[in-house]
Each structure stands twice: as C-alpha cells, then as structure tokens.
C-alpha atoms as a PDB file:
ATOM      1  CA  MET A   1       5.828 -29.022 -67.064  1.00  0.00           C
ATOM      2  CA  PRO A   2       8.942 -27.160 -65.693  1.00  0.00           C
ATOM      3  CA  ARG A   3       7.283 -23.808 -66.361  1.00  0.00           C
ATOM      4  CA  LEU A   4       4.146 -25.200 -64.470  1.00  0.00           C
ATOM      5  CA  ALA A   5       6.214 -26.561 -61.629  1.00  0.00           C
ATOM      6  CA  ARG A   6       7.844 -23.225 -61.407  1.00  0.00           C
ATOM      7  CA  ALA A   7       4.684 -21.310 -61.415  1.00  0.00           C
ATOM      8  CA  MET A   8       3.051 -23.723 -58.809  1.00  0.00           C
ATOM      9  CA  GLY A   9       6.266 -23.355 -56.650  1.00  0.00           C
ATOM     10  CA  ALA A  10       5.919 -19.367 -56.892  1.00  0.00           C
ATOM     11  CA  GLY A  11       2.354 -19.662 -56.062  1.00  0.00           C
ATOM     12  CA  LEU A  12       2.980 -21.905 -53.128  1.00  0.00           C
ATOM     13  CA  LEU A  13       5.644 -19.458 -51.756  1.00  0.00           C
ATOM     14  CA  PHE A  14       3.121 -16.648 -52.078  1.00  0.00           C
ATOM     15  CA  ILE A  15       0.571 -18.422 -50.196  1.00  0.00           C
ATOM     16  CA  LEU A  16       3.120 -19.456 -47.542  1.00  0.00           C
ATOM     17  CA  VAL A  17       4.123 -15.791 -47.183  1.00  0.00           C
ATOM     18  CA  VAL A  18       0.710 -14.038 -47.349  1.00  0.00           C
ATOM     19  CA  PHE A  19      -1.452 -16.573 -45.520  1.00  0.00           C
ATOM     20  CA  LEU A  20       0.905 -18.263 -42.950  1.00  0.00           C
ATOM     21  CA  GLY A  21       2.309 -15.116 -41.248  1.00  0.00           C
ATOM     22  CA  PRO A  22       5.546 -13.267 -41.173  1.00  0.00           C
ATOM     23  CA  THR A  23       8.947 -14.452 -41.938  1.00  0.00           C
ATOM     24  CA  ARG A  24      11.434 -15.513 -39.390  1.00  0.00           C
ATOM     25  CA  ALA A  25      13.146 -12.307 -39.373  1.00  0.00           C
ATOM     26  CA  GLU A  26       9.860 -10.365 -38.870  1.00  0.00           C
ATOM     27  CA  GLN A  27       9.107 -12.928 -36.095  1.00  0.00           C
ATOM     28  CA  PHE A  28      12.399 -12.059 -34.360  1.00  0.00           C
ATOM     29  CA  ARG A  29      11.772  -8.480 -34.798  1.00  0.00           C
ATOM     30  CA  ASP A  30       8.295  -8.457 -33.311  1.00  0.00           C
ATOM     31  CA  SER A  31       9.383 -10.625 -30.434  1.00  0.00           C
ATOM     32  CA  GLU A  32      12.025  -7.964 -29.436  1.00  0.00           C
ATOM     33  CA  PRO A  33      10.635  -6.089 -26.384  1.00  0.00           C
ATOM     34  CA  SER A  34       9.739  -2.494 -27.088  1.00  0.00           C
ATOM     35  CA  GLU A  35      11.539   0.503 -25.194  1.00  0.00           C
ATOM     36  CA  GLN A  36       8.146   1.068 -23.299  1.00  0.00           C
ATOM     37  CA  ALA A  37       8.037  -2.673 -22.306  1.00  0.00           C
ATOM     38  CA  LEU A  38      11.763  -2.568 -21.181  1.00  0.00           C
ATOM     39  CA  LYS A  39      10.891   0.510 -19.071  1.00  0.00           C
ATOM     40  CA  SER A  40       7.820  -0.998 -17.573  1.00  0.00           C
ATOM     41  CA  ALA A  41       9.697  -3.946 -16.571  1.00  0.00           C
ATOM     42  CA  ALA A  42      12.353  -1.887 -14.873  1.00  0.00           C
ATOM     43  CA  VAL A  43       9.774   0.387 -13.239  1.00  0.00           C
ATOM     44  CA  SER A  44       8.076  -2.836 -11.696  1.00  0.00           C
ATOM     45  CA  ARG A  45      11.419  -4.238 -10.502  1.00  0.00           C
ATOM     46  CA  LEU A  46      12.198  -1.041  -8.751  1.00  0.00           C
ATOM     47  CA  ALA A  47       8.790  -0.624  -7.274  1.00  0.00           C
ATOM     48  CA  ARG A  48       8.864  -4.267  -5.844  1.00  0.00           C
ATOM     49  CA  SER A  49      12.082  -3.787  -4.282  1.00  0.00           C
ATOM     50  CA  LEU A  50      10.847  -1.473  -1.540  1.00  0.00           C
ATOM     51  CA  ASP A  51       9.391  -3.069   1.588  1.00  0.00           C
ATOM     52  CA  PRO A  52       5.571  -2.187   2.117  1.00  0.00           C
ATOM     53  CA  ALA A  53       5.794  -3.236   5.857  1.00  0.00           C
ATOM     54  CA  LEU A  54       5.844   0.128   7.450  1.00  0.00           C
ATOM     55  CA  PRO A  55       3.216   1.860   5.215  1.00  0.00           C
ATOM     56  CA  ILE A  56       0.881  -0.936   5.626  1.00  0.00           C
ATOM     57  CA  ALA A  57       1.407  -0.848   9.342  1.00  0.00           C
ATOM     58  CA  VAL A  58       0.655   2.882   9.547  1.00  0.00           C
ATOM     59  CA  GLY A  59      -2.278   2.370   7.260  1.00  0.00           C
ATOM     60  CA  LYS A  60      -3.880  -0.228   9.427  1.00  0.00           C
ATOM     61  CA  ALA A  61      -3.551   1.954  12.684  1.00  0.00           C
ATOM     62  CA  VAL A  62      -5.047   5.061  10.974  1.00  0.00           C
ATOM     63  CA  VAL A  63      -7.924   3.305   9.285  1.00  0.00           C
ATOM     64  CA  ARG A  64      -8.794   1.227  12.397  1.00  0.00           C
ATOM     65  CA  GLN A  65      -8.552   4.462  14.528  1.00  0.00           C
ATOM     66  CA  ALA A  66     -10.750   6.407  12.485  1.00  0.00           C
ATOM     67  CA  ALA A  67     -13.430   3.667  12.241  1.00  0.00           C
ATOM     68  CA  LEU A  68     -13.250   2.912  16.055  1.00  0.00           C
ATOM     69  CA  LEU A  69     -13.723   6.558  17.026  1.00  0.00           C
ATOM     70  CA  ARG A  70     -16.711   6.828  14.735  1.00  0.00           C
ATOM     71  CA  ALA A  71     -18.110   3.757  16.049  1.00  0.00           C
ATOM     72  CA  ARG A  72     -17.687   4.839  19.783  1.00  0.00           C
ATOM     73  CA  GLU A  73     -19.083   8.200  18.989  1.00  0.00           C
ATOM     74  CA  LEU A  74     -22.265   6.769  17.468  1.00  0.00           C
ATOM     75  CA  LEU A  75     -22.555   4.247  20.444  1.00  0.00           C
ATOM     76  CA  ALA A  76     -22.319   7.137  22.885  1.00  0.00           C
ATOM     77  CA  GLU A  77     -24.839   9.381  21.164  1.00  0.00           C
ATOM     78  CA  HIS A  78     -27.435   6.585  20.767  1.00  0.00           C
ATOM     79  CA  GLY A  79     -27.044   5.649  24.378  1.00  0.00           C
ATOM     80  CA  ALA A  80     -27.482   9.250  25.544  1.00  0.00           C
ATOM     81  CA  HIS A  81     -30.638   9.650  23.213  1.00  0.00           C
ATOM     82  CA  ALA A  82     -32.040   6.530  24.781  1.00  0.00           C
ATOM     83  CA  GLY A  83     -31.448   7.752  28.190  1.00  0.00           C
ATOM     84  CA  LEU A  84     -29.184   4.869  29.297  1.00  0.00           C
ATOM     85  CA  ASP A  85     -27.247   5.029  32.525  1.00  0.00           C
ATOM     86  CA  ASN A  86     -23.429   5.356  32.927  1.00  0.00           C
ATOM     87  CA  GLY A  87     -23.214   1.460  32.605  1.00  0.00           C
ATOM     88  CA  TRP A  88     -23.617   2.030  28.911  1.00  0.00           C
ATOM     89  CA  ASN A  89     -19.957   2.474  28.151  1.00  0.00           C
ATOM     90  CA  PRO A  90     -16.922   0.310  26.482  1.00  0.00           C
ATOM     91  CA  THR A  91     -17.024  -2.238  29.227  1.00  0.00           C
ATOM     92  CA  ALA A  92     -20.490  -3.440  28.776  1.00  0.00           C
ATOM     93  CA  PRO A  93     -20.810  -6.517  26.763  1.00  0.00           C
ATOM     94  CA  GLU A  94     -23.507  -5.200  24.550  1.00  0.00           C
ATOM     95  CA  TRP A  95     -21.448  -2.099  23.735  1.00  0.00           C
ATOM     96  CA  GLN A  96     -18.669  -4.284  22.829  1.00  0.00           C
ATOM     97  CA  GLN A  97     -20.827  -6.555  20.579  1.00  0.00           C
ATOM     98  CA  ALA A  98     -22.366  -3.450  18.928  1.00  0.00           C
ATOM     99  CA  GLU A  99     -18.843  -2.069  18.306  1.00  0.00           C
ATOM    100  CA  SER A 100     -17.597  -5.194  16.754  1.00  0.00           C
ATOM    101  CA  THR A 101     -20.564  -5.258  14.342  1.00  0.00           C
ATOM    102  CA  LEU A 102     -20.181  -1.717  13.392  1.00  0.00           C
ATOM    103  CA  MET A 103     -16.484  -2.357  12.670  1.00  0.00           C
ATOM    104  CA  GLN A 104     -17.018  -5.400  10.438  1.00  0.00           C
ATOM    105  CA  ASP A 105     -16.972  -3.547   6.951  1.00  0.00           C
ATOM    106  CA  ALA A 106     -14.132  -1.442   8.213  1.00  0.00           C
ATOM    107  CA  VAL A 107     -11.982  -4.477   9.158  1.00  0.00           C
ATOM    108  CA  ALA A 108     -12.662  -5.863   5.616  1.00  0.00           C
ATOM    109  CA  LEU A 109     -11.592  -2.647   4.136  1.00  0.00           C
ATOM    110  CA  ILE A 110      -8.389  -2.790   6.037  1.00  0.00           C
ATOM    111  CA  GLY A 111      -7.774  -6.384   4.860  1.00  0.00           C
ATOM    112  CA  ASN A 112      -8.520  -5.740   1.087  1.00  0.00           C
ATOM    113  CA  GLN A 113      -7.129  -2.141   0.722  1.00  0.00           C
ATOM    114  CA  ILE A 114      -4.390  -1.825   3.309  1.00  0.00           C
ATOM    115  CA  GLU A 115      -2.982  -5.158   4.289  1.00  0.00           C
ATOM    116  CA  THR A 116      -2.861  -6.236   0.568  1.00  0.00           C
ATOM    117  CA  PRO A 117       0.168  -4.424  -0.631  1.00  0.00           C
ATOM    118  CA  GLU A 118      -0.597  -3.723  -4.340  1.00  0.00           C
ATOM    119  CA  TRP A 119      -1.932  -0.123  -3.424  1.00  0.00           C
ATOM    120  CA  PHE A 120       1.639   0.592  -2.271  1.00  0.00           C
ATOM    121  CA  TYR A 121       3.198  -0.909  -5.300  1.00  0.00           C
ATOM    122  CA  ALA A 122       0.721   1.150  -7.617  1.00  0.00           C
ATOM    123  CA  VAL A 123       1.697   4.219  -6.177  1.00  0.00           C
ATOM    124  CA  LEU A 124       5.343   3.722  -6.560  1.00  0.00           C
ATOM    125  CA  ARG A 125       5.050   2.415 -10.198  1.00  0.00           C
ATOM    126  CA  ARG A 126       3.011   5.536 -11.087  1.00  0.00           C
ATOM    127  CA  GLU A 127       5.519   7.905  -9.658  1.00  0.00           C
ATOM    128  CA  ILE A 128       8.612   6.089 -10.673  1.00  0.00           C
ATOM    129  CA  ASP A 129       7.305   6.017 -14.252  1.00  0.00           C
ATOM    130  CA  ARG A 130       6.659   9.797 -14.137  1.00  0.00           C
ATOM    131  CA  THR A 131      10.208  10.467 -12.701  1.00  0.00           C
ATOM    132  CA  LEU A 132      12.682   8.100 -14.319  1.00  0.00           C
ATOM    133  CA  ASP A 133      13.495   6.833 -17.708  1.00  0.00           C
ATOM    134  CA  GLY A 134      13.910   3.120 -18.118  1.00  0.00           C
ATOM    135  CA  GLU A 135      17.657   3.152 -17.906  1.00  0.00           C
ATOM    136  CA  GLU A 136      17.667   5.210 -14.654  1.00  0.00           C
ATOM    137  CA  ALA A 137      14.911   2.765 -13.163  1.00  0.00           C
ATOM    138  CA  ASP A 138      16.963  -0.283 -14.146  1.00  0.00           C
ATOM    139  CA  TYR A 139      20.163   1.188 -12.622  1.00  0.00           C
ATOM    140  CA  ILE A 140      18.487   1.843  -9.317  1.00  0.00           C
ATOM    141  CA  ALA A 141      16.582  -1.565  -9.304  1.00  0.00           C
ATOM    142  CA  THR A 142      19.887  -3.299  -9.761  1.00  0.00           C
ATOM    143  CA  HIS A 143      21.936  -0.967  -7.366  1.00  0.00           C
ATOM    144  CA  PHE A 144      19.346  -2.052  -4.678  1.00  0.00           C
ATOM    145  CA  THR A 145      20.189  -5.849  -5.241  1.00  0.00           C
ATOM    146  CA  THR A 146      23.976  -5.094  -4.159  1.00  0.00           C
ATOM    147  CA  GLU A 147      24.985  -5.184  -0.472  1.00  0.00           C
ATOM    148  CA  VAL A 148      25.306  -1.370  -0.188  1.00  0.00           C
ATOM    149  CA  GLY A 149      22.426  -0.773  -2.157  1.00  0.00           C
ATOM    150  CA  LYS A 150      20.309  -2.809  -0.024  1.00  0.00           C
ATOM    151  CA  GLU A 151      21.420  -0.684   3.073  1.00  0.00           C
ATOM    152  CA  GLN A 152      20.800   2.561   1.211  1.00  0.00           C
ATOM    153  CA  ARG A 153      17.358   1.196   0.328  1.00  0.00           C
ATOM    154  CA  ILE A 154      16.547   0.279   3.937  1.00  0.00           C
ATOM    155  CA  LEU A 155      17.596   3.809   4.928  1.00  0.00           C
ATOM    156  CA  LEU A 156      15.122   5.225   2.491  1.00  0.00           C
ATOM    157  CA  GLU A 157      12.293   2.945   3.627  1.00  0.00           C
ATOM    158  CA  MET A 158      12.967   3.978   7.216  1.00  0.00           C
ATOM    159  CA  ARG A 159      13.714   7.583   7.120  1.00  0.00           C
ATOM    160  CA  LEU A 160      11.896   8.898   3.893  1.00  0.00           C
ATOM    161  CA  VAL A 161       8.726   6.558   4.134  1.00  0.00           C
ATOM    162  CA  GLY A 162       8.367   5.095   7.517  1.00  0.00           C
ATOM    163  CA  GLU A 163       9.266   7.990   9.702  1.00  0.00           C
ATOM    164  CA  VAL A 164       7.523  10.542   7.770  1.00  0.00           C
ATOM    165  CA  LEU A 165       4.239   8.705   7.533  1.00  0.00           C
ATOM    166  CA  MET A 166       4.377   8.016  11.351  1.00  0.00           C
ATOM    167  CA  ALA A 167       5.104  11.690  12.041  1.00  0.00           C
ATOM    168  CA  ASN A 168       2.478  12.878   9.687  1.00  0.00           C
ATOM    169  CA  TYR A 169      -0.218  10.765  11.636  1.00  0.00           C
ATOM    170  CA  THR A 170       0.949  11.012  15.102  1.00  0.00           C
ATOM    171  CA  PHE A 171       1.472  14.783  15.014  1.00  0.00           C
ATOM    172  CA  THR A 172      -2.204  15.138  13.781  1.00  0.00           C
ATOM    173  CA  ASN A 173      -3.363  12.391  16.348  1.00  0.00           C
ATOM    174  CA  ARG A 174      -4.656  10.240  13.679  1.00  0.00           C
ATOM    175  CA  ILE A 175      -2.422   7.661  15.363  1.00  0.00           C
ATOM    176  CA  ASP A 176      -3.262   7.990  18.973  1.00  0.00           C
ATOM    177  CA  TYR A 177      -1.306   5.524  21.076  1.00  0.00           C
ATOM    178  CA  ASN A 178      -3.850   5.801  23.830  1.00  0.00           C
ATOM    179  CA  VAL A 179      -6.809   4.535  21.769  1.00  0.00           C
ATOM    180  CA  PRO A 180      -8.130   1.175  22.986  1.00  0.00           C
ATOM    181  CA  GLY A 181      -8.262  -1.347  20.333  1.00  0.00           C
ATOM    182  CA  LEU A 182      -5.180  -0.426  18.330  1.00  0.00           C
ATOM    183  CA  GLU A 183      -2.891  -2.364  20.512  1.00  0.00           C
ATOM    184  CA  ASP A 184      -2.047  -5.060  17.934  1.00  0.00           C
ATOM    185  CA  ASP A 185      -1.548  -2.616  15.226  1.00  0.00           C
ATOM    186  CA  LEU A 186       0.788  -0.544  17.102  1.00  0.00           C
ATOM    187  CA  GLU A 187       2.759  -3.469  18.243  1.00  0.00           C
ATOM    188  CA  GLN A 188       3.140  -4.508  14.513  1.00  0.00           C
ATOM    189  CA  LEU A 189       4.233  -1.041  13.593  1.00  0.00           C
ATOM    190  CA  SER A 190       6.821  -0.954  16.364  1.00  0.00           C
ATOM    191  CA  ALA A 191       8.068  -4.453  15.294  1.00  0.00           C
ATOM    192  CA  ASP A 192       8.385  -3.370  11.607  1.00  0.00           C
ATOM    193  CA  TYR A 193      10.117  -0.186  12.454  1.00  0.00           C
ATOM    194  CA  TRP A 194      12.772  -1.969  14.992  1.00  0.00           C
ATOM    195  CA  LYS A 195      13.419  -4.617  12.334  1.00  0.00           C
ATOM    196  CA  LEU A 196      15.183  -2.030  10.187  1.00  0.00           C
ATOM    197  CA  GLU A 197      17.767  -1.302  12.992  1.00  0.00           C
ATOM    198  CA  PRO A 198      17.167   2.467  13.068  1.00  0.00           C
ATOM    199  CA  PHE A 199      20.130   3.200  15.175  1.00  0.00           C
ATOM    200  CA  ARG A 200      22.826   0.931  13.465  1.00  0.00           C
ATOM    201  CA  THR A 201      25.549   2.912  11.989  1.00  0.00           C
ATOM    202  CA  ARG A 202      25.491   2.943   8.176  1.00  0.00           C
ATOM    203  CA  ASP A 203      28.552   4.559   6.618  1.00  0.00           C
ATOM    204  CA  PHE A 204      28.426   5.125   2.956  1.00  0.00           C
ATOM    205  CA  MET A 205      31.218   7.746   2.511  1.00  0.00           C
ATOM    206  CA  ASN A 206      33.868   5.310   1.305  1.00  0.00           C
ATOM    207  CA  ASP A 207      31.913   3.312  -0.970  1.00  0.00           C
ATOM    208  CA  PRO A 208      31.939   4.400  -4.634  1.00  0.00           C
ATOM    209  CA  GLN A 209      28.610   2.728  -5.460  1.00  0.00           C
ATOM    210  CA  ALA A 210      26.906   4.421  -2.624  1.00  0.00           C
ATOM    211  CA  ILE A 211      28.438   7.845  -3.582  1.00  0.00           C
ATOM    212  CA  ARG A 212      27.468   7.486  -7.128  1.00  0.00           C
ATOM    213  CA  PHE A 213      23.736   6.602  -6.218  1.00  0.00           C
ATOM    214  CA  ALA A 214      23.584   9.560  -3.819  1.00  0.00           C
ATOM    215  CA  GLY A 215      25.247  12.052  -6.138  1.00  0.00           C
ATOM    216  CA  GLN A 216      24.025  11.210  -9.536  1.00  0.00           C
ATOM    217  CA  SER A 217      20.882  12.311 -11.271  1.00  0.00           C
ATOM    218  CA  ALA A 218      18.944   8.943 -11.106  1.00  0.00           C
ATOM    219  CA  GLY A 219      19.534   8.547  -7.438  1.00  0.00           C
ATOM    220  CA  LEU A 220      18.734  12.242  -6.480  1.00  0.00           C
ATOM    221  CA  LYS A 221      15.481  12.150  -8.756  1.00  0.00           C
ATOM    222  CA  TYR A 222      14.325   8.958  -7.213  1.00  0.00           C
ATOM    223  CA  THR A 223      15.038  10.094  -3.496  1.00  0.00           C
ATOM    224  CA  ARG A 224      13.272  13.300  -4.330  1.00  0.00           C
ATOM    225  CA  MET A 225      10.250  11.518  -5.705  1.00  0.00           C
ATOM    226  CA  LEU A 226      10.127   9.045  -2.687  1.00  0.00           C
ATOM    227  CA  ALA A 227      10.164  12.001  -0.364  1.00  0.00           C
ATOM    228  CA  ILE A 228       7.484  14.156  -2.132  1.00  0.00           C
ATOM    229  CA  SER A 229       5.121  12.614  -4.530  1.00  0.00           C
ATOM    230  CA  GLY A 230       5.595   9.090  -3.060  1.00  0.00           C
ATOM    231  CA  ILE A 231       4.664   9.943   0.374  1.00  0.00           C
ATOM    232  CA  GLU A 232       1.733  12.208  -1.072  1.00  0.00           C
ATOM    233  CA  GLY A 233       0.518   9.041  -2.770  1.00  0.00           C
ATOM    234  CA  PHE A 234       0.565   6.741   0.208  1.00  0.00           C
ATOM    235  CA  ILE A 235      -1.011   9.360   2.316  1.00  0.00           C
ATOM    236  CA  GLN A 236      -3.879   9.913  -0.241  1.00  0.00           C
ATOM    237  CA  HIS A 237      -4.559   6.215  -0.342  1.00  0.00           C
ATOM    238  CA  ILE A 238      -4.593   5.817   3.368  1.00  0.00           C
ATOM    239  CA  ASP A 239      -6.795   8.751   3.915  1.00  0.00           C
ATOM    240  CA  SER A 240      -9.246   7.555   1.308  1.00  0.00           C
ATOM    241  CA  VAL A 241      -9.495   4.183   2.994  1.00  0.00           C
ATOM    242  CA  ALA A 242     -10.051   5.801   6.260  1.00  0.00           C
ATOM    243  CA  VAL A 243     -12.926   7.951   4.978  1.00  0.00           C
ATOM    244  CA  GLU A 244     -14.522   4.954   3.469  1.00  0.00           C
ATOM    245  CA  ALA A 245     -14.136   2.935   6.610  1.00  0.00           C
ATOM    246  CA  VAL A 246     -15.815   5.729   8.652  1.00  0.00           C
ATOM    247  CA  ARG A 247     -18.669   5.775   6.068  1.00  0.00           C
ATOM    248  CA  SER A 248     -19.127   1.910   6.445  1.00  0.00           C
ATOM    249  CA  VAL A 249     -19.513   2.371  10.211  1.00  0.00           C
ATOM    250  CA  ASP A 250     -22.201   4.964   9.487  1.00  0.00           C
ATOM    251  CA  ARG A 251     -24.041   2.449   7.012  1.00  0.00           C
ATOM    252  CA  SER A 252     -24.202   0.056   9.858  1.00  0.00           C
ATOM    253  CA  GLU A 253     -25.619   2.720  12.471  1.00  0.00           C
ATOM    254  CA  HIS A 254     -29.041   1.207  12.393  1.00  0.00           C
ATOM    255  CA  VAL A 255     -27.822  -1.911  14.282  1.00  0.00           C
ATOM    256  CA  ILE A 256     -27.140   0.001  17.464  1.00  0.00           C
ATOM    257  CA  GLY A 257     -30.744  -0.240  18.724  1.00  0.00           C
ATOM    258  CA  ARG A 258     -31.042  -3.937  18.988  1.00  0.00           C
ATOM    259  CA  TYR A 259     -27.812  -3.781  21.311  1.00  0.00           C
ATOM    260  CA  ILE A 260     -29.298  -0.835  23.400  1.00  0.00           C
ATOM    261  CA  GLU A 261     -32.393  -3.017  23.882  1.00  0.00           C
ATOM    262  CA  ALA A 262     -30.185  -5.942  24.941  1.00  0.00           C
ATOM    263  CA  TYR A 263     -28.496  -3.804  27.496  1.00  0.00           C
ATOM    264  CA  ARG A 264     -31.828  -2.527  28.826  1.00  0.00           C
ATOM    265  CA  GLN A 265     -33.157  -6.202  29.274  1.00  0.00           C
ATOM    266  CA  ARG A 266     -29.947  -7.269  30.989  1.00  0.00           C
ATOM    267  CA  THR A 267     -29.705  -4.286  33.438  1.00  0.00           C
ATOM    268  CA  ARG A 268     -33.373  -4.746  34.348  1.00  0.00           C
ATOM    269  CA  ALA A 269     -32.891  -8.307  35.136  1.00  0.00           C
ATOM    270  CA  GLU A 270     -29.900  -7.599  37.364  1.00  0.00           C
ATOM    271  CA  ARG A 271     -31.637  -5.082  39.407  1.00  0.00           C
END
C-alpha cells in the first residue's frame, strides 16, 4: 500500500504539473513584462504627454478651407454653365444651401479624422518608437511631468509643432485668413496658441534638469525627431484628409442642379 500510495502521489503530481499549467515560478516569470512591452508603455506615455490642440486646430482650418474652396469653385462653374445672373453668389440662399450640402461629408471627415486626436498620437508613437529606446522614452515622459519639464514641453509644442505647422500652411495660402467660413476654426487656433503664453519668459539656463534634457542624447534625439519626422507625419495626415475632403465635395457635385433650379424659380417669381 505505501508503494501504491507513493505511486499514486507521483502520478497525481505529474497530472498537476502537466495538465494544470505552469508552476508558480513560471507564472511569475511569464507575468513579468517584456522589454518590448516596457518600451511600448513608455512610448505611449511620452506620446500622450503632448497636447494635440494646435495640430488639430491647424488641421481643421486646412481641411475646411480646401473643401470650401472646391465647393465654391463648383458652384460658380455650374452657375456660369447654366447662364445664371450675378445674383448666383455666396449671398444667395440657394448657393448657401448647396454649399452646406456639398460640405456635409467633409465636415464629417474633419470630425472623425482631425478632431479625434488619435491620428496625432499615432504619428508620435511611430516616430518615438523609431527614434528612442525604452529607457530614453521613459526618461523624457517622466521629465515632462516635472515643473521645468512641463515648461520645456510647452515650448516644444508651441515653437516646434504649432508655429511650424502654421507657417507651413499660411505661407502656402492653405490657411487664408480672408476665406469666409473659417472664422470659428481660426478663432479656435488663435485661442489655443495664446493659451501657451508665447511671449512669457521661460529661462532654463539655471535649472540642472532642463540643461540635462536639452544637452543629453535622449533630449536632442527627441527634439530633432519632433522637428523633422514628427512634423512631416502631421502634415502628411492633414494633407491626406484635405485631399479626401475635396474628393467628397466632388462626389456630391450632382446635387447642385436642384439648387440652381430653386434659384431660378425664386428669381423668376420675384421679377
């Protein structure tokens, strides 16, 4: 019996080990996050530390302007082709209704692909992952939680991201402050910019943490990445949405005829 008991005990142990999973040591080992998982978490923390407000505001203005200009171009072309008089212009209610209809899909694109900030974080995660190792990403993300780090982060958001994007699009007239219909977007862009207090003095020369961030490898790599590939990624996304917004206006071109007919009927009745 003792031998049988020992045999049964050994068999039970074998069953527990083989069929009921790994030992506690193995479970503990398997629960430890991998190096890649640690890096991924640090990269996400760092990406999420930046404020997307300025890139979003810029993107909204760029995409809306592109779609509005295309809609107005089509309305003018169709009006000329139909032989309409000078009353067919943006002050006519039928023009305004047609423009609103042409813009519906573009407005939805702005909401889904610009106002939702995931595109901004996705660009940052991709470029940070390519540029920094996990320790570097964790150091910068942690630095940005300190008082001086927060101020350096705001400076980067303002000078390297916001102002560069605004310059890129205003110098190429893809943000034109004279285009009617952009007033709300431009007001929001201005408000987001001034919230960063662009002319407030920020002196980092006597702070060891600030000097370390600005002078050591991780800080330099991050800053360079943000100024080059980060900006390129933001511009590529905004431009791609603007192209799609213009296409969405073109796809709705067929509706213009009904508004031209409504304009004709109204103006005939008023004569």
